[in-house]
Amino acid sequence: MPSGTLSITRRWGGPVYAGPFPVEVDGKVIGALRALETIELPVEVGRHTVRLGAGRHLSRTHAFEIEEGRTVEFWCRGTMLWPLFVAALFKPDLWITFRRV
């Protein structure tokens, strides 16, 4: 089946969670991302969702579309601003900053 690549880089930042961030694509965990690491995961062509984290340490969910042979890139880090730490106590998907490149 045709596929593309999902690339995610975890930058330094945020003392929130030092462990690996689980990588969830379409509701299934398909990998884990450690500090200062880049992972590349094969993903079938089409529209998908991706989210990082587990439990109370989450990112927002992002939708993306991937074409055959193409790479879709994201970066993430733990939240670094104290107001977001406080907000994340009530809205867990603010613990991990997660953006498309």
N, C-alpha and C. Protein backbone atom coordinates (compact mmCIF):
# COMPACT_ATOMS: atom_id res chain seq x y z
N MET A 1 0.84 -1.18 0.00
CA MET A 1 0.00 0.00 0.00
C MET A 1 0.89 1.25 0.00
N PRO A 2 0.54 2.27 -0.79
CA PRO A 2 1.37 3.48 -0.86
C PRO A 2 1.45 4.18 0.51
N SER A 3 2.61 4.76 0.77
CA SER A 3 2.77 5.44 2.05
C SER A 3 3.64 6.68 1.92
N GLY A 4 3.57 7.50 2.98
CA GLY A 4 4.42 8.66 3.13
C GLY A 4 5.07 8.56 4.50
N THR A 5 5.68 9.65 4.94
CA THR A 5 6.40 9.64 6.21
C THR A 5 5.91 10.76 7.11
N LEU A 6 5.67 10.41 8.37
CA LEU A 6 5.36 11.38 9.41
C LEU A 6 6.63 11.57 10.22
N SER A 7 7.16 12.80 10.23
CA SER A 7 8.39 13.12 10.96
C SER A 7 8.06 14.07 12.10
N ILE A 8 8.49 13.71 13.32
CA ILE A 8 8.24 14.56 14.49
C ILE A 8 9.55 14.73 15.24
N THR A 9 9.89 16.00 15.54
CA THR A 9 11.10 16.33 16.29
C THR A 9 10.70 16.87 17.65
N ARG A 10 11.29 16.33 18.70
CA ARG A 10 11.04 16.83 20.05
C ARG A 10 12.19 17.74 20.45
N ARG A 11 11.89 19.00 20.59
CA ARG A 11 12.88 20.00 20.97
C ARG A 11 13.01 20.06 22.48
N TRP A 12 14.10 20.70 22.91
CA TRP A 12 14.27 20.92 24.33
C TRP A 12 13.22 21.91 24.80
N GLY A 13 12.81 21.76 26.01
CA GLY A 13 11.91 22.75 26.59
C GLY A 13 10.86 22.12 27.46
N GLY A 14 10.57 22.84 28.48
CA GLY A 14 9.50 22.44 29.37
C GLY A 14 9.87 21.28 30.28
N PRO A 15 9.92 21.54 31.57
CA PRO A 15 10.23 20.49 32.53
C PRO A 15 9.03 19.62 32.87
N VAL A 16 7.95 19.76 32.12
CA VAL A 16 6.69 19.12 32.46
C VAL A 16 6.78 17.60 32.51
N TYR A 17 7.36 17.00 31.52
CA TYR A 17 7.34 15.55 31.41
C TYR A 17 8.60 15.08 30.72
N ALA A 18 9.47 14.39 31.45
CA ALA A 18 10.76 14.00 30.89
C ALA A 18 10.72 12.68 30.13
N GLY A 19 9.69 11.89 30.35
CA GLY A 19 9.60 10.59 29.69
C GLY A 19 9.25 10.72 28.22
N PRO A 20 9.19 9.58 27.53
CA PRO A 20 8.84 9.61 26.10
C PRO A 20 7.37 10.01 25.90
N PHE A 21 7.11 10.74 24.82
CA PHE A 21 5.74 11.09 24.46
C PHE A 21 5.22 10.00 23.52
N PRO A 22 4.18 9.27 23.88
CA PRO A 22 3.58 8.34 22.93
C PRO A 22 3.05 9.11 21.71
N VAL A 23 3.20 8.55 20.51
CA VAL A 23 2.71 9.15 19.27
C VAL A 23 1.49 8.35 18.83
N GLU A 24 0.36 9.04 18.74
CA GLU A 24 -0.90 8.41 18.40
C GLU A 24 -1.37 8.91 17.04
N VAL A 25 -1.54 8.00 16.09
CA VAL A 25 -2.06 8.34 14.77
C VAL A 25 -3.39 7.63 14.59
N ASP A 26 -4.42 8.39 14.28
CA ASP A 26 -5.77 7.85 14.10
C ASP A 26 -6.22 7.02 15.29
N GLY A 27 -5.85 7.47 16.49
CA GLY A 27 -6.30 6.81 17.71
C GLY A 27 -5.49 5.61 18.15
N LYS A 28 -4.42 5.27 17.42
CA LYS A 28 -3.57 4.13 17.78
C LYS A 28 -2.14 4.60 18.04
N VAL A 29 -1.55 4.13 19.13
CA VAL A 29 -0.16 4.48 19.43
C VAL A 29 0.74 3.70 18.47
N ILE A 30 1.58 4.45 17.72
CA ILE A 30 2.46 3.79 16.73
C ILE A 30 3.94 4.05 16.99
N GLY A 31 4.25 4.75 18.09
CA GLY A 31 5.64 5.03 18.40
C GLY A 31 5.74 5.87 19.65
N ALA A 32 6.97 6.21 20.02
CA ALA A 32 7.22 7.07 21.18
C ALA A 32 8.39 7.98 20.86
N LEU A 33 8.34 9.18 21.39
CA LEU A 33 9.32 10.21 21.08
C LEU A 33 10.02 10.66 22.35
N ARG A 34 11.33 10.44 22.41
CA ARG A 34 12.13 10.84 23.57
C ARG A 34 12.66 12.26 23.39
N ALA A 35 13.18 12.82 24.46
CA ALA A 35 13.72 14.19 24.44
C ALA A 35 14.81 14.32 23.38
N LEU A 36 14.78 15.41 22.64
CA LEU A 36 15.77 15.77 21.62
C LEU A 36 15.91 14.71 20.52
N GLU A 37 14.83 14.03 20.24
CA GLU A 37 14.83 12.96 19.24
C GLU A 37 13.91 13.33 18.08
N THR A 38 14.23 12.82 16.90
CA THR A 38 13.36 12.92 15.73
C THR A 38 13.00 11.50 15.33
N ILE A 39 11.72 11.26 15.12
CA ILE A 39 11.30 9.95 14.64
C ILE A 39 10.61 10.12 13.29
N GLU A 40 10.74 9.11 12.46
CA GLU A 40 10.07 9.09 11.17
C GLU A 40 9.27 7.80 11.10
N LEU A 41 7.97 7.95 10.90
CA LEU A 41 7.07 6.81 10.90
C LEU A 41 6.35 6.70 9.56
N PRO A 42 6.26 5.51 8.98
CA PRO A 42 5.52 5.35 7.74
C PRO A 42 4.01 5.46 8.01
N VAL A 43 3.32 6.20 7.15
CA VAL A 43 1.88 6.39 7.29
C VAL A 43 1.24 6.21 5.92
N GLU A 44 0.12 5.50 5.87
CA GLU A 44 -0.58 5.29 4.61
C GLU A 44 -1.04 6.62 4.02
N VAL A 45 -1.10 6.68 2.71
CA VAL A 45 -1.57 7.87 2.00
C VAL A 45 -3.00 8.17 2.44
N GLY A 46 -3.30 9.45 2.63
CA GLY A 46 -4.66 9.86 2.99
C GLY A 46 -4.68 10.85 4.13
N ARG A 47 -5.86 11.04 4.69
CA ARG A 47 -6.08 12.00 5.78
C ARG A 47 -5.99 11.27 7.11
N HIS A 48 -5.28 11.90 8.07
CA HIS A 48 -5.05 11.29 9.38
C HIS A 48 -5.11 12.34 10.47
N THR A 49 -5.11 11.87 11.73
CA THR A 49 -4.94 12.74 12.89
C THR A 49 -3.74 12.25 13.68
N VAL A 50 -3.08 13.18 14.35
CA VAL A 50 -1.93 12.83 15.18
C VAL A 50 -2.02 13.61 16.49
N ARG A 51 -1.63 12.93 17.57
CA ARG A 51 -1.59 13.55 18.89
C ARG A 51 -0.47 12.91 19.68
N LEU A 52 0.11 13.67 20.60
CA LEU A 52 1.20 13.18 21.44
C LEU A 52 0.77 13.11 22.89
N GLY A 53 1.39 12.20 23.63
CA GLY A 53 1.20 12.14 25.07
C GLY A 53 0.23 11.08 25.52
N ALA A 54 0.06 11.04 26.84
CA ALA A 54 -0.86 10.10 27.46
C ALA A 54 -1.28 10.66 28.82
N GLY A 55 -2.40 10.20 29.31
CA GLY A 55 -2.87 10.65 30.62
C GLY A 55 -3.12 12.15 30.65
N ARG A 56 -2.49 12.84 31.59
CA ARG A 56 -2.66 14.29 31.72
C ARG A 56 -1.61 15.08 30.95
N HIS A 57 -0.71 14.42 30.27
CA HIS A 57 0.33 15.11 29.48
C HIS A 57 0.02 14.92 28.01
N LEU A 58 -0.75 15.84 27.43
CA LEU A 58 -1.23 15.70 26.06
C LEU A 58 -0.92 16.92 25.21
N SER A 59 -0.96 16.70 23.90
CA SER A 59 -0.94 17.81 22.94
C SER A 59 -2.33 17.92 22.35
N ARG A 60 -2.54 18.95 21.59
CA ARG A 60 -3.78 19.04 20.82
C ARG A 60 -3.68 18.06 19.66
N THR A 61 -4.82 17.66 19.13
CA THR A 61 -4.86 16.77 17.97
C THR A 61 -4.76 17.60 16.70
N HIS A 62 -3.93 17.14 15.76
CA HIS A 62 -3.77 17.81 14.47
C HIS A 62 -4.19 16.87 13.36
N ALA A 63 -4.91 17.40 12.39
CA ALA A 63 -5.25 16.65 11.19
C ALA A 63 -4.21 16.97 10.12
N PHE A 64 -3.87 15.97 9.31
CA PHE A 64 -2.94 16.19 8.21
C PHE A 64 -3.28 15.23 7.09
N GLU A 65 -2.85 15.60 5.89
CA GLU A 65 -3.03 14.73 4.74
C GLU A 65 -1.65 14.42 4.18
N ILE A 66 -1.45 13.17 3.81
CA ILE A 66 -0.14 12.77 3.31
C ILE A 66 -0.29 12.15 1.92
N GLU A 67 0.66 12.49 1.07
CA GLU A 67 0.69 11.96 -0.30
C GLU A 67 1.81 10.94 -0.41
N GLU A 68 1.73 10.09 -1.40
CA GLU A 68 2.72 9.03 -1.60
C GLU A 68 4.12 9.63 -1.74
N GLY A 69 5.05 9.08 -0.97
CA GLY A 69 6.45 9.51 -1.04
C GLY A 69 6.76 10.83 -0.37
N ARG A 70 5.76 11.50 0.19
CA ARG A 70 5.97 12.82 0.83
C ARG A 70 6.19 12.67 2.33
N THR A 71 6.76 13.72 2.92
CA THR A 71 6.97 13.76 4.36
C THR A 71 6.19 14.93 4.94
N VAL A 72 5.48 14.66 6.03
CA VAL A 72 4.80 15.70 6.79
C VAL A 72 5.57 15.86 8.10
N GLU A 73 5.97 17.11 8.42
CA GLU A 73 6.83 17.34 9.58
C GLU A 73 6.13 18.15 10.67
N PHE A 74 6.37 17.74 11.92
CA PHE A 74 5.89 18.44 13.10
C PHE A 74 7.05 18.60 14.08
N TRP A 75 6.90 19.51 15.04
CA TRP A 75 7.84 19.61 16.16
C TRP A 75 7.02 19.73 17.44
N CYS A 76 7.65 19.38 18.55
CA CYS A 76 6.96 19.49 19.84
C CYS A 76 7.96 19.80 20.94
N ARG A 77 7.43 20.18 22.08
CA ARG A 77 8.21 20.37 23.31
C ARG A 77 7.22 20.49 24.45
N GLY A 78 7.70 20.32 25.66
CA GLY A 78 6.86 20.56 26.83
C GLY A 78 6.54 22.04 26.91
N THR A 79 5.41 22.37 27.49
CA THR A 79 5.03 23.78 27.60
C THR A 79 6.05 24.53 28.46
N MET A 80 6.35 25.78 28.11
CA MET A 80 7.42 26.51 28.78
C MET A 80 6.95 27.74 29.56
N LEU A 81 5.73 28.17 29.38
CA LEU A 81 5.26 29.39 30.03
C LEU A 81 4.38 29.05 31.23
N TRP A 82 4.66 29.68 32.36
CA TRP A 82 3.92 29.33 33.58
C TRP A 82 2.42 29.50 33.44
N PRO A 83 1.88 30.49 32.70
CA PRO A 83 0.42 30.54 32.57
C PRO A 83 -0.15 29.28 31.89
N LEU A 84 0.62 28.70 30.95
CA LEU A 84 0.15 27.47 30.31
C LEU A 84 0.21 26.28 31.27
N PHE A 85 1.18 26.27 32.19
CA PHE A 85 1.22 25.22 33.20
C PHE A 85 -0.08 25.24 34.01
N VAL A 86 -0.46 26.43 34.43
CA VAL A 86 -1.69 26.57 35.23
C VAL A 86 -2.90 26.16 34.39
N ALA A 87 -2.99 26.65 33.17
CA ALA A 87 -4.12 26.32 32.29
C ALA A 87 -4.17 24.81 32.02
N ALA A 88 -3.01 24.17 31.90
CA ALA A 88 -2.96 22.74 31.61
C ALA A 88 -3.51 21.88 32.75
N LEU A 89 -3.55 22.44 33.95
CA LEU A 89 -4.17 21.72 35.06
C LEU A 89 -5.65 21.48 34.79
N PHE A 90 -6.26 22.37 34.02
CA PHE A 90 -7.69 22.27 33.71
C PHE A 90 -7.96 21.78 32.29
N LYS A 91 -6.97 21.93 31.42
CA LYS A 91 -7.10 21.54 30.02
C LYS A 91 -5.82 20.78 29.63
N PRO A 92 -5.80 19.46 29.85
CA PRO A 92 -4.56 18.67 29.69
C PRO A 92 -3.90 18.74 28.32
N ASP A 93 -4.64 19.08 27.26
CA ASP A 93 -4.00 19.12 25.94
C ASP A 93 -3.12 20.35 25.72
N LEU A 94 -2.86 21.10 26.79
CA LEU A 94 -1.91 22.23 26.72
C LEU A 94 -0.53 21.87 27.28
N TRP A 95 -0.36 20.64 27.81
CA TRP A 95 0.93 20.26 28.39
C TRP A 95 2.03 20.18 27.36
N ILE A 96 1.69 19.74 26.15
CA ILE A 96 2.71 19.58 25.11
C ILE A 96 2.40 20.55 23.97
N THR A 97 3.37 21.41 23.65
CA THR A 97 3.25 22.30 22.49
C THR A 97 3.58 21.47 21.27
N PHE A 98 2.69 21.47 20.28
CA PHE A 98 2.83 20.59 19.11
C PHE A 98 2.41 21.38 17.88
N ARG A 99 3.33 21.57 16.94
CA ARG A 99 3.08 22.40 15.76
C ARG A 99 3.58 21.72 14.49
N ARG A 100 2.93 22.06 13.38
CA ARG A 100 3.39 21.58 12.08
C ARG A 100 4.46 22.53 11.57
N VAL A 101 5.48 21.98 10.93
CA VAL A 101 6.57 22.80 10.38
C VAL A 101 6.09 23.49 9.13
